[in-house]
Amino acid sequence: MKPDDFEFVSRLIKSKSGLVLSEDKTYLLESRLMPIARKRGLKDLGELIGAMRGGDRNLVEEVVDAMTTNESFFFRDTKPFDQFRHVVLPHMIRERASKRHLRIWCAAASSGQEPYSLGMILDEFKTQLAGWRVEIIGTDISREILTKARAGLYSQFEVQRGLPIGLLVKYFQKKEDQWQISSEIRSKVQYKEFNLLEDFRPLGQFDIVYCRNVLIYFDQPTKSDVLARVSTLMPDDGFLFLGGAETVLGISDKFKPLARQRGIYQLNRPGAPEVDLTALEKAQASGTAAASSGAAGAAAGGLAFPKPKHMQAGAAAAGTAARPATTGGIPPRPTTTGTATARPGLTGTTARPTTGTAGTIPPRPGTTGTTGTTARPGSTGTTGTTARPGTTGTTGTTTRPGGVGTTGTGSSFSKPSGSTGTGSTARPGTTGTSGSTGSTYRRPLGTGTAGSGTGTTPTRPSSSSGNSSGGASGTTRPSTTFDRSRFGKPEDKK
């Protein structure tokens, strides 16, 4: 798109809708306008913009409609509807008891999910609102989207976004592959085509205004102007709802935030009343509106629906439904302390595989002992700890394979070893400090002699070994040295 074409279109859209398009949104403009060009049989955006320059009003409206965002879903963000249910509506029922009249404006209503969400809440309060005249006005700049809103027809995907299954069953009927909201709820909402840049006075006065997620598309002067004109439509005790990314701070002095509540505002006038936030704060403390809207809430006219799954806290209560890594009623993981499900071979109530005091589960195959802990296969002992295969003893500690403890003997199948000796924590083929010599099965390569010294290092089959205190020598491989004397000198062969 040419720079001057982009400038023309962006200026036109801002004047018609207030929407500001920066130069980095060229791709957005092209992606939304090309379908219009193809539908009208135009070969490119140049021809489309040429027709707009020529004053085609219907085309201009179609382009503005295509550029406005119509993203919406039921009970969007949840919090504004909790605030309506727990604070605003109870307050209005008390304050309007003599007038019995309530008007709500949903500006930029899009495809109708926001006003219909409010309609479902109002239906839950129908006992308290009996005899009241309640109006919900939904406005939007897009004629096409308002047609969809009036029909109240939504796809499976749309009803799954924020709408609790209980409300779907209660207020919707299946229409082929779509869902239509009940005529009773549809009758509570009136839709009008309206531009927020126009004069608000023909709309009349509103006690509650939802103007959510629309100001973010305006520049600062337009935001300030819209908020100033909204304030003229509201009584002293009115309420304004803005989107989560919107605020009045630094933009308008006509409103002030409601204490401790983000997204909801009161008029900045002397007549603005104190609002009871007790019910809302209790619901917020519980983590979800559904926690305080059970049977008691329904009896009081409350709406019992949970937050969407992606917004639920999901925190588990202590001692219940704990993960396996925690101590409690659920079996612990093998690395945690608990009272059950120790691995086979453990002796102890809640110990890891290497600790314990009393065996309650059969040990691993080949192990025996009454108080021994985590003995490996092939080991025995009463107080020995972590003995390796082929070891025995009552007080020996961490003896390696083929070694013997202080009061017992043991044997094992081991790798070739050239020496046996005495000492603690001996390597394969060695013996403990006071045990008798262990025996090992060796390969037929080389033989070793038992020693009486304190050997500390096993020797490899191809080398001889000694020790620092008189240990026996290790085994040697057959010599591979070439002996010339056996074959004679070279000159003897002549």
Protein backbone atom coordinates (compact mmCIF):
# COMPACT_ATOMS: atom_id res chain seq x y z
CA MET A 1 0.00 0.00 0.00
CA LYS A 2 1.29 3.44 -0.93
CA PRO A 3 2.03 5.84 1.95
CA ASP A 4 -0.50 8.42 0.75
CA ASP A 5 -3.19 5.69 0.42
CA PHE A 6 -2.52 4.54 3.97
CA GLU A 7 -2.69 8.12 5.21
CA PHE A 8 -6.04 8.65 3.48
CA VAL A 9 -7.61 5.44 4.84
CA SER A 10 -6.32 5.83 8.40
CA ARG A 11 -7.54 9.45 8.54
CA LEU A 12 -10.94 8.42 7.20
CA ILE A 13 -11.31 5.58 9.73
CA LYS A 14 -10.34 7.84 12.64
CA SER A 15 -12.87 10.48 11.62
CA LYS A 16 -15.64 7.89 11.31
CA SER A 17 -14.93 5.69 14.32
CA GLY A 18 -12.19 7.24 16.44
CA LEU A 19 -9.97 4.23 15.74
CA VAL A 20 -6.30 5.20 15.48
CA LEU A 21 -4.11 3.23 13.04
CA SER A 22 -0.36 3.68 13.29
CA GLU A 23 1.93 2.97 10.33
CA ASP A 24 2.94 -0.40 11.74
CA LYS A 25 -0.69 -1.54 11.23
CA THR A 26 -0.42 -1.46 7.43
CA TYR A 27 -0.54 -5.26 7.34
CA LEU A 28 -3.78 -5.20 9.36
CA LEU A 29 -5.36 -2.72 7.00
CA GLU A 30 -4.40 -4.75 3.93
CA SER A 31 -5.59 -8.08 5.41
CA ARG A 32 -9.03 -6.68 6.25
CA LEU A 33 -9.60 -4.66 3.09
CA MET A 34 -8.55 -7.24 0.48
CA PRO A 35 -11.66 -9.42 1.10
CA ILE A 36 -13.83 -6.35 0.45
CA ALA A 37 -11.95 -5.63 -2.80
CA ARG A 38 -12.40 -9.23 -4.00
CA LYS A 39 -16.10 -9.20 -3.09
CA ARG A 40 -16.60 -6.06 -5.16
CA GLY A 41 -14.59 -7.40 -8.11
CA LEU A 42 -11.72 -4.93 -7.68
CA LYS A 43 -8.27 -6.16 -8.63
CA ASP A 44 -6.31 -4.56 -5.77
CA LEU A 45 -6.41 -2.10 -2.88
CA GLY A 46 -5.54 0.76 -5.20
CA GLU A 47 -8.89 0.42 -6.98
CA LEU A 48 -10.68 0.03 -3.64
CA ILE A 49 -9.15 3.20 -2.21
CA GLY A 50 -9.89 5.01 -5.47
CA ALA A 51 -13.58 4.14 -5.05
CA MET A 52 -13.46 5.41 -1.47
CA ARG A 53 -11.91 8.66 -2.62
CA GLY A 54 -14.74 8.95 -5.12
CA GLY A 55 -17.26 9.20 -2.25
CA ASP A 56 -18.80 5.68 -2.17
CA ARG A 57 -20.52 5.96 1.22
CA ASN A 58 -21.56 2.33 1.41
CA LEU A 59 -17.99 1.26 0.74
CA VAL A 60 -16.70 3.61 3.44
CA GLU A 61 -19.13 2.12 5.97
CA GLU A 62 -18.09 -1.38 4.96
CA VAL A 63 -14.40 -0.52 5.40
CA VAL A 64 -14.98 1.08 8.81
CA ASP A 65 -17.02 -1.94 9.84
CA ALA A 66 -14.21 -4.28 8.76
CA MET A 67 -11.61 -2.35 10.74
CA THR A 68 -13.46 -2.32 14.05
CA THR A 69 -12.69 -5.15 16.46
CA ASN A 70 -15.66 -7.34 17.39
CA GLU A 71 -13.98 -9.62 19.94
CA SER A 72 -16.36 -10.62 22.73
CA PHE A 73 -17.42 -13.60 24.82
CA PHE A 74 -19.78 -14.39 27.68
CA PHE A 75 -18.86 -13.13 31.17
CA ARG A 76 -15.61 -11.76 29.78
CA ASP A 77 -12.95 -11.35 32.49
CA THR A 78 -15.51 -12.47 35.13
CA LYS A 79 -14.64 -9.68 37.60
CA PRO A 80 -16.93 -6.98 36.12
CA PHE A 81 -19.85 -9.39 36.42
CA ASP A 82 -18.92 -10.32 40.00
CA GLN A 83 -18.90 -6.60 40.79
CA PHE A 84 -22.29 -6.17 39.14
CA ARG A 85 -23.79 -9.09 41.04
CA HIS A 86 -22.33 -8.42 44.50
CA VAL A 87 -22.08 -4.61 44.63
CA VAL A 88 -23.85 -2.63 41.93
CA LEU A 89 -27.12 -4.51 41.59
CA PRO A 90 -27.78 -4.87 45.37
CA HIS A 91 -26.92 -1.17 45.77
CA MET A 92 -29.32 -0.14 43.01
CA ILE A 93 -32.12 -2.34 44.36
CA ARG A 94 -31.85 -0.51 47.70
CA GLU A 95 -31.41 3.00 46.28
CA ARG A 96 -34.04 2.67 43.54
CA ALA A 97 -36.69 1.04 45.72
CA SER A 98 -39.02 4.01 45.25
CA LYS A 99 -38.40 4.50 41.50
CA ARG A 100 -38.14 0.80 40.60
CA HIS A 101 -36.40 1.70 37.36
CA LEU A 102 -32.92 0.75 36.14
CA ARG A 103 -31.17 1.50 32.82
CA ILE A 104 -27.92 -0.09 31.66
CA TRP A 105 -25.86 0.88 28.60
CA CYS A 106 -23.44 -1.53 26.93
CA ALA A 107 -21.39 0.65 24.59
CA ALA A 108 -19.58 -1.26 21.83
CA ALA A 109 -21.81 -4.29 22.53
CA SER A 110 -20.39 -6.24 19.56
CA SER A 111 -22.20 -9.57 19.01
CA GLY A 112 -24.20 -9.32 22.24
CA GLN A 113 -22.40 -11.54 24.74
CA GLU A 114 -21.91 -8.74 27.27
CA PRO A 115 -25.54 -7.50 27.45
CA TYR A 116 -26.85 -11.08 27.43
CA SER A 117 -24.51 -11.96 30.31
CA LEU A 118 -26.03 -9.10 32.31
CA GLY A 119 -29.50 -10.26 31.28
CA MET A 120 -28.85 -13.72 32.74
CA ILE A 121 -27.69 -12.19 36.03
CA LEU A 122 -30.80 -10.00 36.16
CA ASP A 123 -32.96 -13.05 35.60
CA GLU A 124 -31.47 -14.65 38.70
CA PHE A 125 -32.60 -11.55 40.66
CA LYS A 126 -36.12 -11.60 39.24
CA THR A 127 -37.69 -12.05 42.68
CA GLN A 128 -36.13 -8.83 44.02
CA LEU A 129 -36.79 -7.05 40.73
CA ALA A 130 -40.43 -8.03 40.46
CA GLY A 131 -42.39 -4.98 39.29
CA TRP A 132 -39.24 -3.17 38.14
CA ARG A 133 -38.65 -1.71 34.69
CA VAL A 134 -35.15 -2.75 33.69
CA GLU A 135 -33.64 -1.77 30.34
CA ILE A 136 -30.41 -2.87 28.71
CA ILE A 137 -29.32 -0.88 25.65
CA GLY A 138 -26.57 -2.35 23.48
CA THR A 139 -24.95 -0.12 20.85
CA ASP A 140 -22.26 -0.64 18.24
CA ILE A 141 -20.99 1.05 15.11
CA SER A 142 -21.21 -2.15 13.06
CA ARG A 143 -24.58 -2.83 11.48
CA GLU A 144 -23.60 -6.39 10.58
CA ILE A 145 -22.53 -7.33 14.09
CA LEU A 146 -25.72 -5.91 15.57
CA THR A 147 -27.74 -8.20 13.29
CA LYS A 148 -25.92 -11.17 14.80
CA ALA A 149 -26.48 -9.81 18.33
CA ARG A 150 -30.24 -9.45 17.81
CA ALA A 151 -30.50 -13.03 16.54
CA GLY A 152 -28.68 -14.34 19.62
CA LEU A 153 -27.22 -17.25 17.64
CA TYR A 154 -23.79 -18.52 18.62
CA SER A 155 -21.50 -21.32 17.51
CA GLN A 156 -20.32 -24.13 19.77
CA PHE A 157 -16.98 -22.35 20.11
CA GLU A 158 -18.64 -19.09 21.17
CA VAL A 159 -20.82 -20.64 23.88
CA GLN A 160 -17.80 -22.47 25.28
CA ARG A 161 -15.94 -19.21 25.89
CA GLY A 162 -16.87 -18.19 29.43
CA LEU A 163 -20.42 -19.57 29.53
CA PRO A 164 -20.99 -22.14 32.33
CA ILE A 165 -22.66 -25.33 31.18
CA GLY A 166 -25.54 -24.80 33.63
CA LEU A 167 -26.44 -21.49 32.01
CA LEU A 168 -26.12 -22.98 28.54
CA VAL A 169 -28.69 -25.63 29.43
CA LYS A 170 -30.96 -23.15 31.19
CA TYR A 171 -31.01 -20.26 28.73
CA PHE A 172 -30.11 -21.68 25.29
CA GLN A 173 -31.75 -23.93 22.73
CA LYS A 174 -29.92 -25.92 20.06
CA LYS A 175 -30.55 -24.72 16.51
CA GLU A 176 -28.91 -27.16 14.10
CA ASP A 177 -25.17 -26.55 14.65
CA GLN A 178 -25.69 -23.34 16.70
CA TRP A 179 -27.12 -22.26 20.04
CA GLN A 180 -29.75 -19.53 20.43
CA ILE A 181 -30.32 -17.67 23.66
CA SER A 182 -33.88 -17.75 24.96
CA SER A 183 -36.41 -15.19 23.78
CA GLU A 184 -36.92 -14.14 27.41
CA ILE A 185 -33.30 -12.99 27.73
CA ARG A 186 -33.28 -11.48 24.23
CA SER A 187 -36.33 -9.41 25.11
CA LYS A 188 -34.37 -7.73 27.91
CA VAL A 189 -31.90 -6.12 25.45
CA GLN A 190 -32.45 -3.46 22.80
CA TYR A 191 -29.79 -2.91 20.13
CA LYS A 192 -29.05 0.34 18.35
CA GLU A 193 -26.49 1.37 15.78
CA PHE A 194 -24.50 4.15 17.38
CA ASN A 195 -21.11 5.85 17.02
CA LEU A 196 -19.32 6.95 20.18
CA LEU A 197 -18.16 10.08 18.39
CA GLU A 198 -21.77 11.25 18.09
CA ASP A 199 -23.90 13.17 20.57
CA PHE A 200 -24.93 10.97 23.52
CA ARG A 201 -27.98 12.96 24.64
CA PRO A 202 -30.52 11.14 22.43
CA LEU A 203 -29.72 7.94 24.32
CA GLY A 204 -31.11 9.28 27.61
CA GLN A 205 -29.82 8.70 31.16
CA PHE A 206 -28.13 5.52 32.38
CA ASP A 207 -27.52 4.28 35.92
CA ILE A 208 -24.82 1.82 34.82
CA VAL A 209 -22.50 2.10 31.81
CA TYR A 210 -20.33 -0.69 30.43
CA CYS A 211 -17.77 0.87 28.08
CA ARG A 212 -15.18 -1.90 28.14
CA ASN A 213 -12.24 -2.48 25.79
CA VAL A 214 -13.10 0.33 23.41
CA LEU A 215 -11.20 3.36 24.74
CA ILE A 216 -7.89 1.56 24.14
CA TYR A 217 -8.36 2.17 20.39
CA PHE A 218 -8.74 5.94 20.81
CA ASP A 219 -6.13 8.64 21.21
CA GLN A 220 -5.92 10.64 24.43
CA PRO A 221 -8.17 13.59 23.44
CA THR A 222 -10.88 11.22 22.16
CA LYS A 223 -10.76 9.16 25.37
CA SER A 224 -11.14 12.29 27.48
CA ASP A 225 -14.02 13.54 25.35
CA VAL A 226 -15.92 10.24 25.50
CA LEU A 227 -15.57 9.99 29.29
CA ALA A 228 -16.73 13.59 29.74
CA ARG A 229 -19.85 12.98 27.67
CA VAL A 230 -20.59 9.67 29.43
CA SER A 231 -20.54 11.47 32.77
CA THR A 232 -23.35 13.77 31.64
CA LEU A 233 -25.65 10.76 31.15
CA MET A 234 -25.26 9.40 34.67
CA PRO A 235 -26.84 10.25 38.05
CA ASP A 236 -24.66 10.96 41.07
CA ASP A 237 -24.74 7.35 42.24
CA GLY A 238 -24.06 5.82 38.81
CA PHE A 239 -21.33 3.30 37.98
CA LEU A 240 -18.95 3.06 35.02
CA PHE A 241 -17.16 -0.13 33.98
CA LEU A 242 -13.99 -0.02 31.88
CA GLY A 243 -11.75 -2.77 30.51
CA GLY A 244 -8.84 -4.24 32.42
CA ALA A 245 -6.30 -2.27 30.33
CA GLU A 246 -8.24 1.02 30.62
CA THR A 247 -8.31 3.72 33.29
CA VAL A 248 -9.56 7.27 33.92
CA LEU A 249 -6.39 8.27 35.75
CA GLY A 250 -4.58 11.01 33.88
CA ILE A 251 -7.36 11.15 31.29
CA SER A 252 -10.48 12.46 33.00
CA ASP A 253 -11.36 13.99 36.36
CA LYS A 254 -15.05 13.18 35.92
CA PHE A 255 -14.69 9.76 37.54
CA LYS A 256 -12.85 8.21 40.46
CA PRO A 257 -12.02 4.54 41.09
CA LEU A 258 -14.21 2.63 43.51
CA ALA A 259 -12.17 1.89 46.63
CA ARG A 260 -10.10 -1.29 46.36
CA GLN A 261 -11.80 -2.28 43.08
CA ARG A 262 -10.10 -2.04 39.71
CA GLY A 263 -12.18 -1.45 36.58
CA ILE A 264 -15.24 0.10 38.25
CA TYR A 265 -15.66 3.87 38.73
CA GLN A 266 -18.01 6.33 40.41
CA LEU A 267 -18.71 9.88 39.40
CA ASN A 268 -16.35 12.34 41.02
CA ARG A 269 -19.19 14.34 42.59
CA PRO A 270 -20.23 15.14 46.15
CA GLY A 271 -23.36 13.02 45.72
CA ALA A 272 -21.46 9.80 45.04
CA PRO A 273 -22.52 7.39 47.82
CA GLU A 274 -20.50 5.04 49.97
CA VAL A 275 -20.78 1.53 48.57
CA ASP A 276 -20.87 -1.64 50.63
CA LEU A 277 -18.14 -3.93 49.31
CA THR A 278 -18.50 -6.62 51.98
CA ALA A 279 -20.25 -9.22 49.82
CA LEU A 280 -17.85 -8.72 46.92
CA GLU A 281 -14.74 -8.87 49.09
CA LYS A 282 -15.96 -12.07 50.70
CA ALA A 283 -16.46 -13.60 47.28
CA GLN A 284 -13.04 -12.41 46.13
CA ALA A 285 -11.42 -13.82 49.26
CA SER A 286 -12.90 -17.21 48.47
CA GLY A 287 -11.07 -17.16 45.13
CA THR A 288 -14.13 -17.47 42.88
CA ALA A 289 -17.66 -16.14 42.74
CA ALA A 290 -19.01 -19.67 42.76
CA ALA A 291 -17.64 -20.25 46.25
CA SER A 292 -20.15 -17.80 47.69
CA SER A 293 -23.03 -18.35 45.29
CA GLY A 294 -24.27 -21.78 46.25
CA ALA A 295 -27.67 -22.53 47.69
CA ALA A 296 -27.60 -19.50 49.96
CA GLY A 297 -26.56 -17.22 47.11
CA ALA A 298 -29.23 -18.58 44.80
CA ALA A 299 -31.83 -18.12 47.50
CA ALA A 300 -30.79 -14.50 47.75
CA GLY A 301 -31.11 -14.06 44.01
CA GLY A 302 -27.44 -14.59 43.24
CA LEU A 303 -26.04 -16.13 40.10
CA ALA A 304 -24.21 -19.37 40.77
CA PHE A 305 -21.61 -19.86 38.06
CA PRO A 306 -17.88 -20.62 38.20
CA LYS A 307 -15.06 -18.76 36.56
CA PRO A 308 -13.74 -20.10 33.26
CA LYS A 309 -11.24 -22.92 33.76
CA HIS A 310 -8.27 -20.85 32.66
CA MET A 311 -9.01 -18.29 35.42
CA GLN A 312 -9.60 -20.63 38.33
CA ALA A 313 -7.06 -20.62 41.17
CA GLY A 314 -6.99 -24.40 41.53
CA ALA A 315 -5.17 -24.36 44.85
CA ALA A 316 -5.58 -27.63 46.75
CA ALA A 317 -6.52 -27.56 50.42
CA ALA A 318 -3.91 -28.70 52.92
CA GLY A 319 -4.09 -32.41 53.72
CA THR A 320 -6.54 -33.19 50.89
CA ALA A 321 -5.75 -34.18 47.34
CA ALA A 322 -2.10 -33.55 48.07
CA ARG A 323 0.45 -34.40 45.47
CA PRO A 324 2.51 -37.53 46.03
CA ALA A 325 5.48 -35.38 47.05
CA THR A 326 3.74 -34.13 50.20
CA THR A 327 3.13 -35.70 53.59
CA GLY A 328 -0.52 -36.56 54.16
CA GLY A 329 -3.21 -39.05 53.31
CA ILE A 330 -1.90 -39.74 49.82
CA PRO A 331 0.96 -42.27 49.52
CA PRO A 332 4.29 -40.44 49.40
CA ARG A 333 6.81 -40.66 46.64
CA PRO A 334 9.76 -42.99 47.31
CA THR A 335 11.88 -39.98 48.28
CA THR A 336 9.48 -38.51 50.82
CA THR A 337 8.63 -39.24 54.40
CA GLY A 338 5.29 -40.98 54.93
CA THR A 339 3.63 -43.94 56.55
CA ALA A 340 3.06 -46.29 53.66
CA THR A 341 4.21 -47.73 50.37
CA ALA A 342 7.91 -48.20 51.10
CA ARG A 343 9.77 -49.90 48.30
CA PRO A 344 10.55 -53.63 48.58
CA GLY A 345 13.71 -54.24 50.55
CA LEU A 346 13.19 -51.29 52.84
CA THR A 347 13.17 -51.79 56.57
CA GLY A 348 11.48 -48.95 58.28
CA THR A 349 8.18 -47.18 58.38
CA THR A 350 8.74 -44.08 56.27
CA ALA A 351 12.38 -44.23 55.34
CA ARG A 352 14.11 -43.76 52.06
CA PRO A 353 15.65 -46.88 50.58
CA THR A 354 18.81 -46.36 52.65
CA THR A 355 17.28 -45.73 56.09
CA GLY A 356 14.75 -47.32 58.44
CA THR A 357 14.25 -48.84 61.84
CA ALA A 358 11.83 -51.71 61.60
CA GLY A 359 11.16 -53.89 58.58
CA THR A 360 7.48 -54.20 57.66
CA ILE A 361 7.81 -55.05 53.98
CA PRO A 362 9.60 -58.13 52.66
CA PRO A 363 13.20 -57.35 51.73
CA ARG A 364 14.59 -57.82 48.30
CA PRO A 365 15.46 -61.37 47.23
CA GLY A 366 18.51 -62.79 48.92
CA THR A 367 18.53 -60.51 51.93
CA THR A 368 17.86 -61.35 55.55
CA GLY A 369 17.90 -59.46 58.77
CA THR A 370 15.62 -58.08 61.40
CA THR A 371 16.97 -54.61 61.82
CA GLY A 372 19.36 -54.38 58.87
CA THR A 373 18.49 -51.57 56.49
CA THR A 374 18.45 -51.65 52.72
CA ALA A 375 20.83 -54.59 52.43
CA ARG A 376 21.59 -55.38 48.83
CA PRO A 377 20.86 -58.84 47.31
CA GLY A 378 23.00 -61.60 48.75
CA SER A 379 23.82 -59.87 51.99
CA THR A 380 22.85 -60.66 55.56
CA GLY A 381 23.19 -58.88 58.83
CA THR A 382 21.35 -57.52 61.79
CA THR A 383 22.86 -54.08 62.05
CA GLY A 384 24.95 -53.88 58.89
CA THR A 385 24.16 -50.99 56.60
CA THR A 386 24.21 -50.93 52.83
CA ALA A 387 26.34 -54.05 52.45
CA ARG A 388 27.10 -54.94 48.86
CA PRO A 389 26.39 -58.37 47.28
CA GLY A 390 28.39 -61.23 48.72
CA THR A 391 29.12 -59.63 52.06
CA THR A 392 28.19 -60.77 55.55
CA GLY A 393 28.64 -59.39 58.98
CA THR A 394 26.86 -57.91 61.90
CA THR A 395 28.74 -54.66 62.24
CA GLY A 396 30.64 -54.40 58.97
CA THR A 397 30.01 -51.19 57.08
CA THR A 398 29.94 -50.61 53.34
CA THR A 399 31.99 -53.68 52.51
CA ARG A 400 32.58 -54.05 48.80
CA PRO A 401 31.91 -57.30 46.85
CA GLY A 402 34.19 -60.13 47.89
CA GLY A 403 35.11 -58.52 51.16
CA VAL A 404 34.24 -59.73 54.65
CA GLY A 405 33.10 -57.85 57.69
CA THR A 406 34.70 -57.83 61.10
CA THR A 407 33.09 -61.02 62.34
CA GLY A 408 32.15 -62.97 59.27
CA THR A 409 33.31 -64.31 55.99
CA GLY A 410 31.89 -63.87 52.55
CA SER A 411 32.52 -64.88 49.01
CA SER A 412 31.55 -63.42 45.71
CA PHE A 413 31.95 -63.73 42.03
CA SER A 414 34.35 -60.90 41.25
CA LYS A 415 36.56 -59.60 38.54
CA PRO A 416 40.13 -60.92 38.46
CA SER A 417 41.99 -59.89 41.51
CA GLY A 418 45.52 -60.54 42.51
CA SER A 419 45.58 -60.11 46.23
CA THR A 420 43.64 -60.53 49.38
CA GLY A 421 44.40 -58.72 52.53
CA THR A 422 42.95 -57.28 55.63
CA GLY A 423 41.43 -53.86 56.08
CA SER A 424 38.18 -52.01 56.22
CA THR A 425 36.28 -50.82 53.18
CA ALA A 426 38.48 -53.03 51.05
CA ARG A 427 38.10 -53.18 47.32
CA PRO A 428 37.10 -56.39 45.48
CA GLY A 429 39.18 -59.35 46.55
CA THR A 430 40.25 -57.93 49.90
CA THR A 431 39.20 -58.79 53.43
CA GLY A 432 38.17 -56.79 56.44
CA THR A 433 40.36 -55.96 59.39
CA SER A 434 39.67 -59.05 61.47
CA GLY A 435 37.92 -61.38 59.06
CA SER A 436 39.36 -64.40 57.40
CA THR A 437 40.53 -64.22 53.87
CA GLY A 438 37.85 -64.08 51.25
CA SER A 439 37.97 -66.27 48.21
CA THR A 440 37.36 -65.17 44.70
CA TYR A 441 36.76 -66.90 41.45
CA ARG A 442 39.49 -65.77 39.05
CA ARG A 443 40.13 -66.15 35.42
CA PRO A 444 42.78 -68.80 34.58
CA LEU A 445 45.28 -66.05 33.75
CA GLY A 446 47.77 -65.87 36.56
CA THR A 447 47.44 -66.86 40.20
CA GLY A 448 47.60 -64.84 43.33
CA THR A 449 48.74 -65.67 46.83
CA ALA A 450 46.95 -64.65 49.93
CA GLY A 451 48.75 -62.15 52.04
CA SER A 452 48.58 -61.30 55.68
CA GLY A 453 49.33 -57.64 55.32
CA THR A 454 46.93 -54.78 55.05
CA GLY A 455 46.61 -54.52 51.28
CA THR A 456 44.95 -51.33 50.21
CA THR A 457 44.95 -51.55 46.43
CA PRO A 458 43.94 -54.53 44.28
CA THR A 459 46.42 -55.37 41.56
CA ARG A 460 45.65 -55.89 37.95
CA PRO A 461 46.41 -59.31 36.47
CA SER A 462 49.27 -57.97 34.36
CA SER A 463 51.22 -56.41 37.16
CA SER A 464 52.66 -57.33 40.49
CA SER A 465 51.54 -55.56 43.58
CA GLY A 466 53.07 -54.85 46.89
CA ASN A 467 51.95 -53.16 50.02
CA SER A 468 53.36 -50.86 52.56
CA SER A 469 53.29 -53.35 55.41
CA GLY A 470 54.40 -56.70 54.14
CA GLY A 471 51.48 -57.72 51.98
CA ALA A 472 51.81 -60.61 49.57
CA SER A 473 52.76 -59.95 46.00
CA GLY A 474 50.15 -59.97 43.31
CA THR A 475 49.90 -62.15 40.22
CA THR A 476 51.81 -61.66 37.00
CA ARG A 477 50.93 -62.49 33.44
CA PRO A 478 53.16 -64.91 31.51
CA SER A 479 56.14 -63.05 30.14
CA THR A 480 55.84 -61.77 26.62
CA THR A 481 59.52 -60.65 26.36
CA PHE A 482 61.31 -61.93 23.23
CA ASP A 483 64.32 -64.12 24.20
CA ARG A 484 66.92 -64.23 21.40
CA SER A 485 69.02 -66.85 23.23
CA ARG A 486 66.46 -69.51 22.49
CA PHE A 487 66.84 -69.08 18.77
CA GLY A 488 70.56 -68.35 18.45
CA LYS A 489 72.40 -65.53 16.86
CA PRO A 490 71.72 -64.59 13.29
CA GLU A 491 75.15 -65.71 12.09
CA ASP A 492 74.60 -69.22 13.55
CA LYS A 493 71.89 -69.87 10.98
CA LYS A 494 74.23 -69.56 8.02
